[in-house]
Every structure is written in C-alpha cells, then in structure tokens.
N, C-alpha and C. Protein backbone atom coordinates (compact mmCIF):
# COMPACT_ATOMS: atom_id res chain seq x y z
N MET A 1 87.37 80.28 159.67
CA MET A 1 88.75 80.51 160.75
C MET A 1 89.71 79.90 159.48
N PRO A 2 90.36 80.86 159.62
CA PRO A 2 91.93 80.02 158.12
C PRO A 2 92.44 78.60 159.09
N ILE A 3 92.79 78.20 158.13
CA ILE A 3 93.18 76.65 158.37
C ILE A 3 94.74 76.67 158.71
N LEU A 4 95.27 75.78 159.38
CA LEU A 4 96.87 76.19 159.47
C LEU A 4 97.66 74.52 159.04
N SER A 5 98.28 74.98 158.58
CA SER A 5 99.22 73.54 158.38
C SER A 5 101.06 73.56 158.90
N PHE A 6 101.02 72.54 159.44
CA PHE A 6 102.40 72.61 160.09
C PHE A 6 103.05 71.32 159.37
N LYS A 7 104.60 71.72 159.04
CA LYS A 7 105.09 70.37 158.62
C LYS A 7 106.27 70.30 160.19
N VAL A 8 105.92 68.80 160.12
CA VAL A 8 106.99 68.21 161.57
C VAL A 8 108.23 67.61 160.74
N ILE A 9 109.03 68.00 161.40
CA ILE A 9 110.23 67.77 161.76
C ILE A 9 110.74 66.79 162.12
N ASN A 10 111.61 65.84 162.13
CA ASN A 10 112.20 64.92 163.00
C ASN A 10 113.37 65.00 162.89
N LEU A 11 114.20 66.11 163.94
CA LEU A 11 115.02 66.40 163.90
C LEU A 11 116.33 65.00 164.22
N LYS A 12 116.19 64.17 164.76
CA LYS A 12 116.62 62.88 165.02
C LYS A 12 117.28 62.35 163.90
N GLU A 13 116.09 62.27 162.51
CA GLU A 13 116.90 61.76 161.53
C GLU A 13 116.96 63.24 160.60
N LYS A 14 117.06 64.35 160.90
CA LYS A 14 117.49 65.33 159.69
C LYS A 14 117.88 66.40 160.93
N ILE A 15 119.92 66.92 160.69
CA ILE A 15 120.27 67.86 161.69
C ILE A 15 119.80 68.99 160.60
N VAL A 16 119.39 70.25 161.15
CA VAL A 16 118.87 71.58 160.62
C VAL A 16 120.48 72.35 161.23
N PHE A 17 120.70 73.19 160.32
CA PHE A 17 121.38 74.24 160.72
C PHE A 17 120.66 75.48 160.36
N ARG A 18 121.12 76.52 161.26
CA ARG A 18 120.89 78.17 161.07
C ARG A 18 121.81 78.71 161.03
N GLU A 19 121.53 79.85 159.95
CA GLU A 19 122.24 80.54 159.44
C GLU A 19 121.64 82.10 160.41
N ILE A 20 122.56 82.57 161.42
CA ILE A 20 122.23 84.22 161.61
C ILE A 20 123.33 84.81 161.51
N ALA A 21 123.05 85.93 160.99
CA ALA A 21 123.56 87.07 160.41
C ALA A 21 123.22 88.20 160.42
N LYS A 22 124.09 88.95 161.14
CA LYS A 22 124.01 89.99 161.94
C LYS A 22 124.34 91.52 160.88
N PHE A 23 123.27 92.42 160.86
CA PHE A 23 123.31 93.70 160.03
C PHE A 23 123.40 94.58 161.07
N LYS A 24 124.32 95.66 160.58
CA LYS A 24 124.21 96.96 160.89
C LYS A 24 124.28 97.83 159.78
N ILE A 25 122.78 98.58 159.93
CA ILE A 25 122.21 99.37 158.86
C ILE A 25 122.55 100.69 159.27
N ASN A 26 122.73 101.41 158.22
CA ASN A 26 123.17 103.07 158.24
C ASN A 26 121.58 104.09 158.79
N LYS A 27 122.16 104.66 159.40
CA LYS A 27 121.04 105.60 160.22
C LYS A 27 120.42 105.88 159.09
N GLY A 28 118.74 106.08 159.71
CA GLY A 28 118.10 106.29 158.81
C GLY A 28 117.29 105.60 157.56
N GLN A 29 118.32 104.67 157.58
CA GLN A 29 117.54 103.43 155.96
C GLN A 29 117.24 102.62 156.91
N GLU A 30 116.63 102.35 157.86
CA GLU A 30 116.23 100.68 158.64
C GLU A 30 115.17 100.71 158.33
N GLU A 31 114.34 101.31 157.91
CA GLU A 31 113.07 101.40 156.93
C GLU A 31 113.00 100.70 155.80
N GLU A 32 113.96 101.03 155.02
CA GLU A 32 113.98 100.97 153.53
C GLU A 32 114.91 99.59 153.30
N PHE A 33 115.67 99.57 154.46
CA PHE A 33 116.62 97.86 154.38
C PHE A 33 115.37 96.72 155.06
N ALA A 34 114.48 97.54 155.91
CA ALA A 34 113.35 96.27 156.15
C ALA A 34 112.69 95.99 154.77
N THR A 35 112.09 96.66 154.12
CA THR A 35 111.61 96.72 153.28
C THR A 35 112.02 95.38 152.10
N ALA A 36 113.27 96.15 151.55
CA ALA A 36 114.28 95.16 150.92
C ALA A 36 114.30 94.28 151.12
N ALA A 37 114.74 93.87 152.96
CA ALA A 37 115.07 91.91 153.09
C ALA A 37 113.93 91.28 152.42
N LEU A 38 113.09 91.82 153.21
CA LEU A 38 111.93 91.03 153.36
C LEU A 38 111.36 90.76 151.56
N SER A 39 111.57 91.70 150.93
CA SER A 39 111.46 91.73 149.04
C SER A 39 111.87 90.47 148.84
N CYS A 40 113.32 89.79 149.89
CA CYS A 40 113.81 88.61 149.37
C CYS A 40 113.61 87.42 149.75
N ARG A 41 112.73 87.42 150.40
CA ARG A 41 112.15 85.79 151.20
C ARG A 41 111.95 85.07 149.94
N PRO A 42 111.44 85.40 148.82
CA PRO A 42 111.21 84.22 147.66
C PRO A 42 112.65 83.66 147.04
N LEU A 43 113.79 84.70 147.13
CA LEU A 43 115.00 84.27 147.06
C LEU A 43 115.33 83.10 147.58
N PHE A 44 115.45 83.07 149.03
CA PHE A 44 115.27 82.20 149.74
C PHE A 44 114.52 80.61 149.92
N GLU A 45 113.41 81.28 149.85
CA GLU A 45 112.53 79.99 150.25
C GLU A 45 112.91 79.10 149.01
N SER A 46 113.21 79.62 147.71
CA SER A 46 113.42 78.90 146.59
C SER A 46 114.85 78.39 146.77
N ALA A 47 115.92 78.19 147.28
CA ALA A 47 116.77 78.11 147.48
C ALA A 47 117.05 76.74 147.80
N ARG A 48 118.27 75.63 147.18
CA ARG A 48 118.08 73.94 147.67
C ARG A 48 118.18 74.56 148.95
N GLY A 49 117.59 73.53 150.06
CA GLY A 49 117.87 73.53 151.70
C GLY A 49 117.56 74.43 152.34
N CYS A 50 116.96 75.16 151.96
CA CYS A 50 116.32 76.07 152.66
C CYS A 50 114.68 75.94 153.24
N ARG A 51 115.00 76.20 154.80
CA ARG A 51 113.34 75.21 155.39
C ARG A 51 112.93 76.77 156.05
N SER A 52 113.19 77.62 156.31
CA SER A 52 112.77 78.72 156.93
C SER A 52 114.01 80.21 156.81
N PHE A 53 113.05 81.29 157.00
CA PHE A 53 113.18 82.64 156.55
C PHE A 53 112.98 83.79 157.84
N SER A 54 113.75 84.71 158.06
CA SER A 54 112.99 85.37 158.76
C SER A 54 114.09 86.97 159.13
N ILE A 55 113.17 88.00 159.44
CA ILE A 55 114.36 88.92 159.64
C ILE A 55 113.27 89.48 161.09
N GLU A 56 114.91 89.58 162.12
CA GLU A 56 114.18 90.54 162.91
C GLU A 56 115.10 91.66 163.10
N ARG A 57 114.21 92.60 164.05
CA ARG A 57 114.82 94.18 164.48
C ARG A 57 115.59 94.05 165.66
N CYS A 58 116.56 94.13 166.36
CA CYS A 58 117.11 94.83 167.35
C CYS A 58 116.01 95.35 168.29
N VAL A 59 115.62 95.59 169.36
CA VAL A 59 114.42 96.45 170.27
C VAL A 59 115.56 97.40 171.44
N GLU A 60 116.73 96.90 171.43
CA GLU A 60 117.98 98.09 171.80
C GLU A 60 118.63 98.74 171.18
N THR A 61 118.74 98.24 169.90
CA THR A 61 119.67 99.01 168.66
C THR A 61 118.96 98.95 167.33
N SER A 62 118.20 99.57 167.16
CA SER A 62 116.89 100.12 166.24
C SER A 62 118.04 99.68 164.45
N CYS A 63 119.39 100.27 165.05
CA CYS A 63 120.07 99.92 163.52
C CYS A 63 120.44 98.59 163.52
N ILE A 64 120.12 97.35 164.14
CA ILE A 64 120.68 96.28 164.03
C ILE A 64 119.34 94.95 163.52
N PHE A 65 119.92 93.87 162.40
CA PHE A 65 118.86 93.46 162.40
C PHE A 65 119.75 91.90 162.49
N TYR A 66 118.79 91.13 162.35
CA TYR A 66 119.60 89.55 162.02
C TYR A 66 118.12 88.56 161.17
N LEU A 67 118.97 88.24 160.62
CA LEU A 67 119.04 87.21 159.57
C LEU A 67 118.72 85.80 159.88
N LEU A 68 117.71 85.30 159.93
CA LEU A 68 117.42 83.81 160.40
C LEU A 68 117.03 82.97 159.21
N VAL A 69 118.02 82.01 158.66
CA VAL A 69 117.64 81.24 157.93
C VAL A 69 117.52 79.56 158.49
N GLU A 70 117.23 79.14 158.44
CA GLU A 70 117.64 77.21 158.67
C GLU A 70 117.55 76.45 157.17
N TRP A 71 118.48 76.25 157.22
CA TRP A 71 119.19 75.02 156.11
C TRP A 71 119.41 73.63 156.33
N GLU A 72 119.27 72.72 155.43
CA GLU A 72 119.82 71.07 155.94
C GLU A 72 120.81 70.91 155.76
N THR A 73 121.88 71.61 155.02
CA THR A 73 123.19 71.54 155.50
C THR A 73 124.09 73.10 155.22
N VAL A 74 124.70 73.29 155.80
CA VAL A 74 125.54 74.33 155.71
C VAL A 74 126.37 75.47 154.49
N GLU A 75 126.20 73.67 153.67
CA GLU A 75 126.81 73.68 152.03
C GLU A 75 125.64 74.42 151.42
N ASP A 76 124.53 74.33 151.95
CA ASP A 76 123.19 74.85 151.09
C ASP A 76 123.23 76.51 151.27
N HIS A 77 124.34 76.93 152.35
CA HIS A 77 123.82 78.10 152.44
C HIS A 77 125.25 78.66 151.73
N THR A 78 126.47 77.52 152.33
CA THR A 78 127.95 78.81 152.05
C THR A 78 128.14 78.25 150.59
N VAL A 79 127.58 76.91 150.12
CA VAL A 79 128.22 76.55 148.82
C VAL A 79 127.25 77.24 148.05
N HIS A 80 125.59 76.35 147.81
CA HIS A 80 124.84 76.64 146.76
C HIS A 80 124.06 77.35 146.74
N PHE A 81 123.92 78.60 147.66
CA PHE A 81 122.93 79.44 147.88
C PHE A 81 124.17 80.86 147.37
N ARG A 82 124.84 80.86 148.32
CA ARG A 82 126.28 82.19 147.81
C ARG A 82 126.46 82.32 146.51
N GLN A 83 126.99 80.80 145.93
CA GLN A 83 127.15 80.90 144.24
C GLN A 83 126.02 81.01 143.49
N SER A 84 124.87 81.36 144.20
CA SER A 84 123.98 81.47 143.03
C SER A 84 123.39 82.59 143.02
N PRO A 85 122.83 83.02 141.39
CA PRO A 85 121.94 84.25 141.49
C PRO A 85 121.40 84.89 142.17
N ALA A 86 120.63 84.04 142.79
CA ALA A 86 119.61 84.28 144.06
C ALA A 86 120.30 85.74 145.09
N PHE A 87 121.33 84.91 145.50
CA PHE A 87 122.90 84.98 146.63
C PHE A 87 123.21 87.16 145.88
N ALA A 88 123.26 86.75 144.52
CA ALA A 88 123.76 87.89 143.75
C ALA A 88 122.65 89.23 144.22
N GLU A 89 121.46 88.75 143.97
CA GLU A 89 120.21 89.75 143.94
C GLU A 89 120.00 89.92 145.12
N TRP A 90 120.00 89.27 146.14
CA TRP A 90 120.11 89.71 147.80
C TRP A 90 121.12 90.33 148.04
N ARG A 91 122.70 90.59 148.05
CA ARG A 91 123.35 91.43 147.68
C ARG A 91 122.94 93.13 146.98
N GLU A 92 122.45 93.09 146.27
CA GLU A 92 122.27 93.96 145.45
C GLU A 92 121.18 94.53 146.07
N ARG A 93 120.67 93.84 146.27
CA ARG A 93 118.62 94.55 146.91
C ARG A 93 119.36 95.56 148.43
N VAL A 94 120.49 94.48 149.40
CA VAL A 94 120.40 95.11 150.82
C VAL A 94 121.31 95.73 151.27
N GLY A 95 122.50 95.04 150.02
CA GLY A 95 123.68 95.76 150.64
C GLY A 95 124.40 97.29 150.56
N LYS A 96 123.21 97.87 149.56
CA LYS A 96 123.69 99.15 150.11
C LYS A 96 123.52 100.09 151.23
N TYR A 97 122.95 99.23 152.30
CA TYR A 97 122.04 99.96 153.73
C TYR A 97 123.20 99.36 154.72
N PHE A 98 124.04 98.55 154.43
CA PHE A 98 125.51 98.22 154.93
C PHE A 98 126.10 98.92 155.77
N ALA A 99 126.13 99.40 156.84
CA ALA A 99 126.91 100.27 157.58
C ALA A 99 128.52 100.15 158.06
N GLU A 100 128.68 98.12 158.44
CA GLU A 100 129.48 97.82 157.83
C GLU A 100 129.55 96.13 157.34
N PRO A 101 130.60 95.32 157.04
CA PRO A 101 130.03 94.29 156.44
C PRO A 101 129.48 93.12 157.65
N PRO A 102 128.49 92.46 157.00
CA PRO A 102 127.45 91.75 157.88
C PRO A 102 128.20 90.60 158.47
N SER A 103 128.28 89.96 159.78
CA SER A 103 129.07 88.90 160.67
C SER A 103 127.62 87.71 160.55
N VAL A 104 128.02 86.79 160.13
CA VAL A 104 127.26 85.46 160.12
C VAL A 104 128.08 84.31 160.52
N ILE A 105 127.15 83.34 161.07
CA ILE A 105 127.72 82.34 162.44
C ILE A 105 126.47 81.20 161.66
N HIS A 106 127.23 79.61 161.87
CA HIS A 106 126.14 78.46 161.15
C HIS A 106 125.70 77.58 163.13
N THR A 107 124.30 77.99 163.64
CA THR A 107 124.13 76.79 164.58
C THR A 107 123.42 75.62 163.89
N ARG A 108 123.59 74.51 164.92
CA ARG A 108 123.51 73.56 164.66
C ARG A 108 121.54 73.33 165.58
N LEU A 109 120.72 72.90 164.94
CA LEU A 109 119.45 72.87 165.71
C LEU A 109 119.01 71.99 166.47
N SER A 110 119.83 70.57 166.41
CA SER A 110 119.62 69.54 167.04
C SER A 110 120.57 68.69 168.07
N PRO A 111 120.11 68.97 169.33
CA PRO A 111 120.93 68.81 170.42
C PRO A 111 121.18 67.32 170.51
N ASP A 112 120.87 66.58 170.05
CA ASP A 112 120.97 64.97 169.89
C ASP A 112 122.27 64.85 168.95
N ASN A 113 122.90 66.13 168.10
CA ASN A 113 123.59 65.74 167.42
C ASN A 113 125.01 66.67 167.43
N TRP A 114 124.68 67.34 168.79
CA TRP A 114 125.79 68.56 168.63
C TRP A 114 127.13 67.90 169.04
N SER A 115 127.63 66.82 169.08
CA SER A 115 128.74 66.65 169.57
C SER A 115 129.25 65.53 168.25
N ALA A 116 128.38 65.62 167.09
CA ALA A 116 128.23 64.92 165.66
C ALA A 116 129.77 65.74 164.78
C-alpha cells in the first residue's frame, strides 16, 4: 500500500492565492493542448511561491480548460513567474493551441483574510 504524505497549511498564518486561467482551445487540438499543458507541471512547481498546479477540462464545453495554480502571493505569479524563462516556455508550448487570449483572475483562499 502506498504511503501518502500531506502538507498541512495553516491558512490563518499564510494567505494563499489561486490563479484561475480559462483557455478556449482550437477545435480538434484539445488532446494536444492537454498533453502540452501537463508537460509544463515542472515549470510551475519549481517557480517561486507555487504551492499547487492542476489543469481541468470543462465537461459541458470540451474545448474549455482551466489552469488552477496556488501561489503564496499574487506577485509570485504576476511578477516573478510571468517575467521568468519558465513562463516563456509555458507560452511556447501551449500558446499555439489558444483559440482566443486566455482570461486570468486571482482569488484568495483564506476566508479569515477576505477583507484584508
């Protein structure tokens, strides 16, 4: 039986931010995009402040995907990652599949700090 380990995060001590990016992918290229996007996991996981990475596919509209990345700060994404060679490589690998520019928002994951 595999041993599972969990990293416990005390959200009262550390606010965590989630990047939610929505991608509309060219029809017929969804599988290629998914493969390319998942191959970029190490680019994100080695980035400053990255706590988690996942790609999800919309059930109702199969050409829509969501990138969910948890960051320690918004700036870890918008400044440190976006100005890095890793971001350039990410866009090189996946950008050719975009049917339109992605939309990106950031959310806070700690309800104790929503008003901060």
